[in-house]
Amino acid sequence: MDPIQNQAPVATNSKKGKIIGAIVVIAIIVGTAYYFSTKSASAPTTDISEQTLPALSNSDDVASLKADLGSTDIATTDLSSFDAELNAQ
């Protein structure tokens, strides 16, 4: 037998494969966008740290940091909302 006759046919680039590949990629992108749009819609919109902590200064000197630490009363702060937020993630 002739060695050329024993070779398997060479696959050619078909348009079907490219179209199917493009559809799969688009479907993955749409599915990912849908997933993240529904996930972010259920996330809480309020910042819990702003609700429970007093206003702090923007300064970074030692005296301001001590004053901020002294003005924060952790004993009376409701930490259950922080736990709920951490468990939700």
PDB file of N, CA and C in Angstrom:
ATOM      1  N   MET A   1       0.819  -1.161   0.000  1.00  0.00           N
ATOM      2  CA  MET A   1       0.000   0.000   0.000  1.00  0.00           C
ATOM      3  C   MET A   1       0.880   1.247   0.000  1.00  0.00           C
ATOM      4  N   ASP A   2       0.316   2.225  -0.565  1.00  0.00           N
ATOM      5  CA  ASP A   2       0.991   3.509  -0.656  1.00  0.00           C
ATOM      6  C   ASP A   2       0.867   4.224   0.694  1.00  0.00           C
ATOM      7  N   PRO A   3       1.965   4.772   1.277  1.00  0.00           N
ATOM      8  CA  PRO A   3       1.887   5.418   2.590  1.00  0.00           C
ATOM      9  C   PRO A   3       0.979   6.646   2.590  1.00  0.00           C
ATOM     10  N   ILE A   4       0.759   7.262   1.461  1.00  0.00           N
ATOM     11  CA  ILE A   4      -0.104   8.429   1.407  1.00  0.00           C
ATOM     12  C   ILE A   4      -1.559   8.015   1.619  1.00  0.00           C
ATOM     13  N   GLN A   5      -1.957   6.851   1.183  1.00  0.00           N
ATOM     14  CA  GLN A   5      -3.330   6.396   1.340  1.00  0.00           C
ATOM     15  C   GLN A   5      -3.653   6.015   2.782  1.00  0.00           C
ATOM     16  N   ASN A   6      -2.652   5.659   3.577  1.00  0.00           N
ATOM     17  CA  ASN A   6      -2.869   5.231   4.958  1.00  0.00           C
ATOM     18  C   ASN A   6      -2.990   6.405   5.938  1.00  0.00           C
ATOM     19  N   GLN A   7      -2.741   7.612   5.509  1.00  0.00           N
ATOM     20  CA  GLN A   7      -2.799   8.765   6.411  1.00  0.00           C
ATOM     21  C   GLN A   7      -4.250   9.175   6.655  1.00  0.00           C
ATOM     22  N   ALA A   8      -4.488   9.628   7.878  1.00  0.00           N
ATOM     23  CA  ALA A   8      -5.825  10.102   8.237  1.00  0.00           C
ATOM     24  C   ALA A   8      -6.057  11.454   7.572  1.00  0.00           C
ATOM     25  N   PRO A   9      -7.289  11.750   7.239  1.00  0.00           N
ATOM     26  CA  PRO A   9      -7.556  13.045   6.620  1.00  0.00           C
ATOM     27  C   PRO A   9      -7.249  14.187   7.594  1.00  0.00           C
ATOM     28  N   VAL A  10      -6.720  15.260   7.072  1.00  0.00           N
ATOM     29  CA  VAL A  10      -6.364  16.419   7.880  1.00  0.00           C
ATOM     30  C   VAL A  10      -7.612  17.274   8.084  1.00  0.00           C
ATOM     31  N   ALA A  11      -7.840  17.645   9.343  1.00  0.00           N
ATOM     32  CA  ALA A  11      -9.006  18.470   9.647  1.00  0.00           C
ATOM     33  C   ALA A  11      -8.770  19.884   9.130  1.00  0.00           C
ATOM     34  N   THR A  12      -9.778  20.435   8.517  1.00  0.00           N
ATOM     35  CA  THR A  12      -9.684  21.807   8.031  1.00  0.00           C
ATOM     36  C   THR A  12     -10.425  22.728   8.986  1.00  0.00           C
ATOM     37  N   ASN A  13     -10.078  23.980   8.959  1.00  0.00           N
ATOM     38  CA  ASN A  13     -10.768  24.953   9.794  1.00  0.00           C
ATOM     39  C   ASN A  13     -12.171  25.157   9.254  1.00  0.00           C
ATOM     40  N   SER A  14     -13.147  24.858  10.092  1.00  0.00           N
ATOM     41  CA  SER A  14     -14.522  25.029   9.648  1.00  0.00           C
ATOM     42  C   SER A  14     -15.135  26.225  10.358  1.00  0.00           C
ATOM     43  N   LYS A  15     -16.101  26.829   9.734  1.00  0.00           N
ATOM     44  CA  LYS A  15     -16.776  27.971  10.330  1.00  0.00           C
ATOM     45  C   LYS A  15     -17.674  27.531  11.476  1.00  0.00           C
ATOM     46  N   LYS A  16     -18.161  26.282  11.438  1.00  0.00           N
ATOM     47  CA  LYS A  16     -19.024  25.799  12.510  1.00  0.00           C
ATOM     48  C   LYS A  16     -18.299  25.803  13.847  1.00  0.00           C
ATOM     49  N   GLY A  17     -17.071  25.365  13.840  1.00  0.00           N
ATOM     50  CA  GLY A  17     -16.292  25.319  15.078  1.00  0.00           C
ATOM     51  C   GLY A  17     -16.063  26.700  15.650  1.00  0.00           C
ATOM     52  N   LYS A  18     -15.778  27.659  14.801  1.00  0.00           N
ATOM     53  CA  LYS A  18     -15.556  29.027  15.263  1.00  0.00           C
ATOM     54  C   LYS A  18     -16.846  29.628  15.818  1.00  0.00           C
ATOM     55  N   ILE A  19     -17.953  29.365  15.160  1.00  0.00           N
ATOM     56  CA  ILE A  19     -19.236  29.896  15.610  1.00  0.00           C
ATOM     57  C   ILE A  19     -19.626  29.272  16.944  1.00  0.00           C
ATOM     58  N   ILE A  20     -19.462  27.978  17.083  1.00  0.00           N
ATOM     59  CA  ILE A  20     -19.792  27.292  18.338  1.00  0.00           C
ATOM     60  C   ILE A  20     -18.892  27.800  19.465  1.00  0.00           C
ATOM     61  N   GLY A  21     -17.625  27.984  19.180  1.00  0.00           N
ATOM     62  CA  GLY A  21     -16.706  28.519  20.186  1.00  0.00           C
ATOM     63  C   GLY A  21     -17.096  29.909  20.630  1.00  0.00           C
ATOM     64  N   ALA A  22     -17.484  30.759  19.677  1.00  0.00           N
ATOM     65  CA  ALA A  22     -17.906  32.117  20.014  1.00  0.00           C
ATOM     66  C   ALA A  22     -19.179  32.094  20.855  1.00  0.00           C
ATOM     67  N   ILE A  23     -20.113  31.208  20.528  1.00  0.00           N
ATOM     68  CA  ILE A  23     -21.356  31.099  21.301  1.00  0.00           C
ATOM     69  C   ILE A  23     -21.065  30.646  22.724  1.00  0.00           C
ATOM     70  N   VAL A  24     -20.156  29.706  22.890  1.00  0.00           N
ATOM     71  CA  VAL A  24     -19.797  29.228  24.228  1.00  0.00           C
ATOM     72  C   VAL A  24     -19.165  30.352  25.042  1.00  0.00           C
ATOM     73  N   VAL A  25     -18.256  31.100  24.435  1.00  0.00           N
ATOM     74  CA  VAL A  25     -17.608  32.206  25.149  1.00  0.00           C
ATOM     75  C   VAL A  25     -18.631  33.270  25.537  1.00  0.00           C
ATOM     76  N   ILE A  26     -19.520  33.612  24.641  1.00  0.00           N
ATOM     77  CA  ILE A  26     -20.553  34.609  24.938  1.00  0.00           C
ATOM     78  C   ILE A  26     -21.477  34.110  26.041  1.00  0.00           C
ATOM     79  N   ALA A  27     -21.825  32.832  26.016  1.00  0.00           N
ATOM     80  CA  ALA A  27     -22.694  32.268  27.054  1.00  0.00           C
ATOM     81  C   ALA A  27     -22.011  32.318  28.421  1.00  0.00           C
ATOM     82  N   ILE A  28     -20.717  32.072  28.463  1.00  0.00           N
ATOM     83  CA  ILE A  28     -19.979  32.140  29.721  1.00  0.00           C
ATOM     84  C   ILE A  28     -19.955  33.575  30.241  1.00  0.00           C
ATOM     85  N   ILE A  29     -19.725  34.529  29.363  1.00  0.00           N
ATOM     86  CA  ILE A  29     -19.692  35.938  29.765  1.00  0.00           C
ATOM     87  C   ILE A  29     -21.056  36.382  30.281  1.00  0.00           C
ATOM     88  N   VAL A  30     -22.123  36.019  29.582  1.00  0.00           N
ATOM     89  CA  VAL A  30     -23.472  36.402  30.002  1.00  0.00           C
ATOM     90  C   VAL A  30     -23.818  35.733  31.332  1.00  0.00           C
ATOM     91  N   GLY A  31     -23.482  34.477  31.488  1.00  0.00           N
ATOM     92  CA  GLY A  31     -23.757  33.780  32.739  1.00  0.00           C
ATOM     93  C   GLY A  31     -23.007  34.388  33.919  1.00  0.00           C
ATOM     94  N   THR A  32     -21.759  34.754  33.704  1.00  0.00           N
ATOM     95  CA  THR A  32     -20.969  35.383  34.757  1.00  0.00           C
ATOM     96  C   THR A  32     -21.536  36.750  35.124  1.00  0.00           C
ATOM     97  N   ALA A  33     -21.918  37.526  34.125  1.00  0.00           N
ATOM     98  CA  ALA A  33     -22.504  38.844  34.391  1.00  0.00           C
ATOM     99  C   ALA A  33     -23.815  38.704  35.163  1.00  0.00           C
ATOM    100  N   TYR A  34     -24.626  37.735  34.811  1.00  0.00           N
ATOM    101  CA  TYR A  34     -25.887  37.504  35.519  1.00  0.00           C
ATOM    102  C   TYR A  34     -25.629  37.095  36.967  1.00  0.00           C
ATOM    103  N   TYR A  35     -24.669  36.220  37.184  1.00  0.00           N
ATOM    104  CA  TYR A  35     -24.340  35.759  38.528  1.00  0.00           C
ATOM    105  C   TYR A  35     -23.925  36.929  39.414  1.00  0.00           C
ATOM    106  N   PHE A  36     -23.010  37.767  38.914  1.00  0.00           N
ATOM    107  CA  PHE A  36     -22.533  38.878  39.732  1.00  0.00           C
ATOM    108  C   PHE A  36     -23.582  39.969  39.893  1.00  0.00           C
ATOM    109  N   SER A  37     -24.469  40.139  38.932  1.00  0.00           N
ATOM    110  CA  SER A  37     -25.511  41.157  39.090  1.00  0.00           C
ATOM    111  C   SER A  37     -26.524  40.735  40.147  1.00  0.00           C
ATOM    112  N   THR A  38     -26.844  39.459  40.225  1.00  0.00           N
ATOM    113  CA  THR A  38     -27.789  38.994  41.251  1.00  0.00           C
ATOM    114  C   THR A  38     -27.114  38.902  42.607  1.00  0.00           C
ATOM    115  N   LYS A  39     -25.846  38.606  42.635  1.00  0.00           N
ATOM    116  CA  LYS A  39     -25.126  38.496  43.904  1.00  0.00           C
ATOM    117  C   LYS A  39     -24.993  39.863  44.558  1.00  0.00           C
ATOM    118  N   SER A  40     -24.663  40.891  43.803  1.00  0.00           N
ATOM    119  CA  SER A  40     -24.480  42.219  44.381  1.00  0.00           C
ATOM    120  C   SER A  40     -25.821  42.857  44.757  1.00  0.00           C
ATOM    121  N   ALA A  41     -26.903  42.427  44.146  1.00  0.00           N
ATOM    122  CA  ALA A  41     -28.213  42.987  44.476  1.00  0.00           C
ATOM    123  C   ALA A  41     -28.659  42.543  45.863  1.00  0.00           C
ATOM    124  N   SER A  42     -28.211  41.403  46.323  1.00  0.00           N
ATOM    125  CA  SER A  42     -28.617  40.912  47.632  1.00  0.00           C
ATOM    126  C   SER A  42     -27.673  41.367  48.738  1.00  0.00           C
ATOM    127  N   ALA A  43     -26.585  42.036  48.398  1.00  0.00           N
ATOM    128  CA  ALA A  43     -25.632  42.498  49.403  1.00  0.00           C
ATOM    129  C   ALA A  43     -26.215  43.686  50.166  1.00  0.00           C
ATOM    130  N   PRO A  44     -25.884  43.801  51.447  1.00  0.00           N
ATOM    131  CA  PRO A  44     -26.396  44.937  52.214  1.00  0.00           C
ATOM    132  C   PRO A  44     -25.833  46.252  51.672  1.00  0.00           C
ATOM    133  N   THR A  45     -26.667  47.277  51.686  1.00  0.00           N
ATOM    134  CA  THR A  45     -26.256  48.549  51.105  1.00  0.00           C
ATOM    135  C   THR A  45     -25.783  49.544  52.157  1.00  0.00           C
ATOM    136  N   THR A  46     -25.921  49.233  53.432  1.00  0.00           N
ATOM    137  CA  THR A  46     -25.483  50.152  54.476  1.00  0.00           C
ATOM    138  C   THR A  46     -24.153  49.699  55.040  1.00  0.00           C
ATOM    139  N   ASP A  47     -23.346  50.653  55.430  1.00  0.00           N
ATOM    140  CA  ASP A  47     -22.055  50.351  56.029  1.00  0.00           C
ATOM    141  C   ASP A  47     -22.240  50.269  57.530  1.00  0.00           C
ATOM    142  N   ILE A  48     -22.075  49.097  58.076  1.00  0.00           N
ATOM    143  CA  ILE A  48     -22.332  48.870  59.492  1.00  0.00           C
ATOM    144  C   ILE A  48     -21.349  49.649  60.356  1.00  0.00           C
ATOM    145  N   SER A  49     -20.108  49.793  59.923  1.00  0.00           N
ATOM    146  CA  SER A  49     -19.114  50.476  60.739  1.00  0.00           C
ATOM    147  C   SER A  49     -19.473  51.940  60.950  1.00  0.00           C
ATOM    148  N   GLU A  50     -20.135  52.577  60.003  1.00  0.00           N
ATOM    149  CA  GLU A  50     -20.540  53.969  60.165  1.00  0.00           C
ATOM    150  C   GLU A  50     -21.721  54.096  61.120  1.00  0.00           C
ATOM    151  N   GLN A  51     -22.504  53.066  61.260  1.00  0.00           N
ATOM    152  CA  GLN A  51     -23.675  53.120  62.123  1.00  0.00           C
ATOM    153  C   GLN A  51     -23.314  52.961  63.596  1.00  0.00           C
ATOM    154  N   THR A  52     -22.322  52.155  63.910  1.00  0.00           N
ATOM    155  CA  THR A  52     -22.079  51.818  65.305  1.00  0.00           C
ATOM    156  C   THR A  52     -20.895  52.548  65.920  1.00  0.00           C
ATOM    157  N   LEU A  53     -19.988  53.054  65.143  1.00  0.00           N
ATOM    158  CA  LEU A  53     -18.813  53.716  65.689  1.00  0.00           C
ATOM    159  C   LEU A  53     -18.977  55.231  65.648  1.00  0.00           C
ATOM    160  N   PRO A  54     -18.423  55.922  66.637  1.00  0.00           N
ATOM    161  CA  PRO A  54     -18.503  57.383  66.619  1.00  0.00           C
ATOM    162  C   PRO A  54     -17.580  57.951  65.541  1.00  0.00           C
ATOM    163  N   ALA A  55     -17.769  59.230  65.246  1.00  0.00           N
ATOM    164  CA  ALA A  55     -16.927  59.903  64.259  1.00  0.00           C
ATOM    165  C   ALA A  55     -15.497  59.971  64.784  1.00  0.00           C
ATOM    166  N   LEU A  56     -14.545  59.654  63.922  1.00  0.00           N
ATOM    167  CA  LEU A  56     -13.134  59.664  64.300  1.00  0.00           C
ATOM    168  C   LEU A  56     -12.418  60.751  63.521  1.00  0.00           C
ATOM    169  N   SER A  57     -11.315  61.214  64.072  1.00  0.00           N
ATOM    170  CA  SER A  57     -10.562  62.266  63.390  1.00  0.00           C
ATOM    171  C   SER A  57      -9.757  61.675  62.233  1.00  0.00           C
ATOM    172  N   ASN A  58      -9.360  62.526  61.308  1.00  0.00           N
ATOM    173  CA  ASN A  58      -8.573  62.086  60.161  1.00  0.00           C
ATOM    174  C   ASN A  58      -7.077  62.198  60.410  1.00  0.00           C
ATOM    175  N   SER A  59      -6.696  62.686  61.560  1.00  0.00           N
ATOM    176  CA  SER A  59      -5.291  62.897  61.874  1.00  0.00           C
ATOM    177  C   SER A  59      -4.628  61.576  62.256  1.00  0.00           C
ATOM    178  N   ASP A  60      -3.318  61.494  62.020  1.00  0.00           N
ATOM    179  CA  ASP A  60      -2.610  60.269  62.365  1.00  0.00           C
ATOM    180  C   ASP A  60      -1.543  60.513  63.433  1.00  0.00           C
ATOM    181  N   ASP A  61      -1.615  61.665  64.131  1.00  0.00           N
ATOM    182  CA  ASP A  61      -0.647  61.881  65.208  1.00  0.00           C
ATOM    183  C   ASP A  61      -1.097  61.089  66.437  1.00  0.00           C
ATOM    184  N   VAL A  62      -0.160  60.863  67.342  1.00  0.00           N
ATOM    185  CA  VAL A  62      -0.391  59.974  68.478  1.00  0.00           C
ATOM    186  C   VAL A  62      -1.506  60.499  69.380  1.00  0.00           C
ATOM    187  N   ALA A  63      -1.545  61.791  69.618  1.00  0.00           N
ATOM    188  CA  ALA A  63      -2.561  62.351  70.515  1.00  0.00           C
ATOM    189  C   ALA A  63      -3.964  62.135  69.949  1.00  0.00           C
ATOM    190  N   SER A  64      -4.143  62.318  68.642  1.00  0.00           N
ATOM    191  CA  SER A  64      -5.452  62.105  68.022  1.00  0.00           C
ATOM    192  C   SER A  64      -5.854  60.635  68.055  1.00  0.00           C
ATOM    193  N   LEU A  65      -4.887  59.758  67.827  1.00  0.00           N
ATOM    194  CA  LEU A  65      -5.184  58.319  67.875  1.00  0.00           C
ATOM    195  C   LEU A  65      -5.609  57.901  69.277  1.00  0.00           C
ATOM    196  N   LYS A  66      -4.915  58.435  70.307  1.00  0.00           N
ATOM    197  CA  LYS A  66      -5.299  58.114  71.685  1.00  0.00           C
ATOM    198  C   LYS A  66      -6.690  58.651  72.004  1.00  0.00           C
ATOM    199  N   ALA A  67      -6.985  59.852  71.515  1.00  0.00           N
ATOM    200  CA  ALA A  67      -8.311  60.435  71.767  1.00  0.00           C
ATOM    201  C   ALA A  67      -9.397  59.612  71.072  1.00  0.00           C
ATOM    202  N   ASP A  68      -9.149  59.176  69.850  1.00  0.00           N
ATOM    203  CA  ASP A  68     -10.115  58.341  69.131  1.00  0.00           C
ATOM    204  C   ASP A  68     -10.330  57.012  69.844  1.00  0.00           C
ATOM    205  N   LEU A  69      -9.231  56.423  70.319  1.00  0.00           N
ATOM    206  CA  LEU A  69      -9.333  55.147  71.019  1.00  0.00           C
ATOM    207  C   LEU A  69     -10.089  55.317  72.333  1.00  0.00           C
ATOM    208  N   GLY A  70      -9.835  56.420  73.011  1.00  0.00           N
ATOM    209  CA  GLY A  70     -10.525  56.677  74.275  1.00  0.00           C
ATOM    210  C   GLY A  70     -12.005  56.972  74.088  1.00  0.00           C
ATOM    211  N   SER A  71     -12.372  57.563  72.954  1.00  0.00           N
ATOM    212  CA  SER A  71     -13.779  57.896  72.727  1.00  0.00           C
ATOM    213  C   SER A  71     -14.597  56.719  72.213  1.00  0.00           C
ATOM    214  N   THR A  72     -13.955  55.648  71.826  1.00  0.00           N
ATOM    215  CA  THR A  72     -14.662  54.480  71.320  1.00  0.00           C
ATOM    216  C   THR A  72     -14.971  53.545  72.481  1.00  0.00           C
ATOM    217  N   ASP A  73     -16.240  53.377  72.766  1.00  0.00           N
ATOM    218  CA  ASP A  73     -16.670  52.513  73.867  1.00  0.00           C
ATOM    219  C   ASP A  73     -17.055  51.156  73.293  1.00  0.00           C
ATOM    220  N   ILE A  74     -16.131  50.235  73.370  1.00  0.00           N
ATOM    221  CA  ILE A  74     -16.347  48.913  72.778  1.00  0.00           C
ATOM    222  C   ILE A  74     -17.312  48.082  73.618  1.00  0.00           C
ATOM    223  N   ALA A  75     -17.377  48.347  74.905  1.00  0.00           N
ATOM    224  CA  ALA A  75     -18.238  47.559  75.793  1.00  0.00           C
ATOM    225  C   ALA A  75     -19.714  47.723  75.445  1.00  0.00           C
ATOM    226  N   THR A  76     -20.107  48.907  74.992  1.00  0.00           N
ATOM    227  CA  THR A  76     -21.516  49.133  74.673  1.00  0.00           C
ATOM    228  C   THR A  76     -21.812  49.041  73.176  1.00  0.00           C
ATOM    229  N   THR A  77     -20.805  48.758  72.384  1.00  0.00           N
ATOM    230  CA  THR A  77     -21.007  48.653  70.937  1.00  0.00           C
ATOM    231  C   THR A  77     -21.655  47.310  70.611  1.00  0.00           C
ATOM    232  N   ASP A  78     -22.675  47.337  69.797  1.00  0.00           N
ATOM    233  CA  ASP A  78     -23.370  46.116  69.392  1.00  0.00           C
ATOM    234  C   ASP A  78     -22.558  45.433  68.293  1.00  0.00           C
ATOM    235  N   LEU A  79     -21.899  44.346  68.638  1.00  0.00           N
ATOM    236  CA  LEU A  79     -21.041  43.646  67.682  1.00  0.00           C
ATOM    237  C   LEU A  79     -21.784  42.553  66.924  1.00  0.00           C
ATOM    238  N   SER A  80     -23.049  42.327  67.220  1.00  0.00           N
ATOM    239  CA  SER A  80     -23.792  41.273  66.524  1.00  0.00           C
ATOM    240  C   SER A  80     -23.941  41.596  65.042  1.00  0.00           C
ATOM    241  N   SER A  81     -24.051  42.884  64.709  1.00  0.00           N
ATOM    242  CA  SER A  81     -24.161  43.242  63.296  1.00  0.00           C
ATOM    243  C   SER A  81     -22.857  42.954  62.553  1.00  0.00           C
ATOM    244  N   PHE A  82     -21.725  43.129  63.241  1.00  0.00           N
ATOM    245  CA  PHE A  82     -20.451  42.787  62.614  1.00  0.00           C
ATOM    246  C   PHE A  82     -20.354  41.286  62.370  1.00  0.00           C
ATOM    247  N   ASP A  83     -20.790  40.496  63.354  1.00  0.00           N
ATOM    248  CA  ASP A  83     -20.777  39.045  63.186  1.00  0.00           C
ATOM    249  C   ASP A  83     -21.673  38.621  62.029  1.00  0.00           C
ATOM    250  N   ALA A  84     -22.840  39.231  61.925  1.00  0.00           N
ATOM    251  CA  ALA A  84     -23.764  38.888  60.848  1.00  0.00           C
ATOM    252  C   ALA A  84     -23.146  39.222  59.498  1.00  0.00           C
ATOM    253  N   GLU A  85     -22.472  40.348  59.400  1.00  0.00           N
ATOM    254  CA  GLU A  85     -21.856  40.726  58.134  1.00  0.00           C
ATOM    255  C   GLU A  85     -20.713  39.781  57.772  1.00  0.00           C
ATOM    256  N   LEU A  86     -19.921  39.384  58.758  1.00  0.00           N
ATOM    257  CA  LEU A  86     -18.822  38.457  58.492  1.00  0.00           C
ATOM    258  C   LEU A  86     -19.337  37.079  58.089  1.00  0.00           C
ATOM    259  N   ASN A  87     -20.400  36.621  58.714  1.00  0.00           N
ATOM    260  CA  ASN A  87     -20.952  35.308  58.380  1.00  0.00           C
ATOM    261  C   ASN A  87     -21.652  35.323  57.032  1.00  0.00           C
ATOM    262  N   ALA A  88     -22.118  36.479  56.583  1.00  0.00           N
ATOM    263  CA  ALA A  88     -22.795  36.572  55.288  1.00  0.00           C
ATOM    264  C   ALA A  88     -21.816  36.440  54.135  1.00  0.00           C
ATOM    265  N   GLN A  89     -20.569  36.773  54.367  1.00  0.00           N
ATOM    266  CA  GLN A  89     -19.569  36.709  53.294  1.00  0.00           C
ATOM    267  C   GLN A  89     -19.035  35.333  53.240  1.00  0.00           C
TER     268      GLN A  89
END
